[in-house]
């Protein structure tokens, strides 16, 4: 058989990275192929597959198993894999606990999985954080986060992006605890480049602690504080930080209902900041004063390339001010002004500005009641603009809830997935794929798909 260079094999097998059945078949061909395929196969594993969950559970250490003792969850008793396949996992998605863990619990006879799937998910996330040498992306929420995960994340040197998604009714103590742990991580971490915090009110103390950590962190370039109820004082602190920061490229302040004093401070910071390229301020009810402040900032800012201002209650006058800013701005390439209320007058001003602007390549002004004349002008001269009015009619949707809560938790799911889930382990694959001190023997599990 002709042997191709490693790079060629990698490209071929990487194109099959989502075709698990084919990859499983190929890795059994010979040792050389196995060496190439194993990292690809485990880089983006199918977390919805309950067989994979069984393998992951075998890798829990004593600390991670101890988290499950109160829930009386019986763990698989098969032989532990000789190699930590999780060392190749690059990202942890919601599928791990929403689907994979839930399906596994149901298959084990747990009909009500609420609470259980979060506990198992915490243990598995902690284990992957401990063992993975390739983990880049981590998605956490209150239900799948604990002190052990924070401890592992503090020591981690590979994760570059963390998303914290909290519900608005999350426990306040946990929220503040999470912020404290995050600030510790930011002081030490030299690899994290993206941090997104959703639905947590940081307060003056929390924002101050976070920004103090960011002052000393020169690696983070993306920050999201979505739906975080940022008040006036917190907004001013953030503005002061932006005046000095030179590393942040992306900032998401969506759905914060920012007060006008905070908006003005942030707009002033945009005139001084020299690094920010993407700014997302959706759903902040900017109205007249906020719209004017941002329009003035656009006239002076020379670094922003993308600005998102949908759902901010901007009227025709604000449309005219933004249009005037577009005539002067020379860096903006993407602008989203959808779901405001510019009307035909604001729309006409924006059309005139487009004739003068030389950099904008993407403009969304949909759902602004522009009128047929403005739409026709945009269609003829600027077909790349999105200008349609979308009428969301929810009258066809009826939600007939049954207040008796007499639900059926039998979860009669079909686990066939076109595969044979007989779990009849075949020990005939007694191959020794050991290399570099690792044993890739497949005598532990039958990965064959029928």
Foldseek 3Di string as FASTA:
>chain_A
DDDDDLVVLLVVLLVCLVVLQVLVVQLLPDLVSVVNSLLSNQQADDLLALVVVLLLLLQFDPVLVVLCVVVPDDHDDFDHDQDDSLQNHAEDDPSNLVHRLVVNCLVVPNLDCVLVSLSSLLSSLLSSLQRHNRYAEYEEEPSNDDPSSLVSLLVGAHYAEYEYEYDLPDDLVVLQVVLVSVLSSLQPHQRHAEYAYENAALPPVSLVSNLVSVVNHQRHAYYHCENRQQELNSLLVVLVSQLPHQRHAYYHHENNLYDLNSLLSNLVSQLRHDHYAYYHYEQNQCEDSSLLSNLVSLLRHQHHAEYEYANRQYEQVSLLSNLVSQLRHQRHAYYEHAHYANEQNSLVSNLVSVVRHDRHDEYEHEQHNNDDVSVVSCVVPPVRYHHHYDDDDCPVDDDDDDVVPPDDSSPPDDSPPVWDPPQPFDQPQQDFSDDPNGTPGPSRGDPRTD
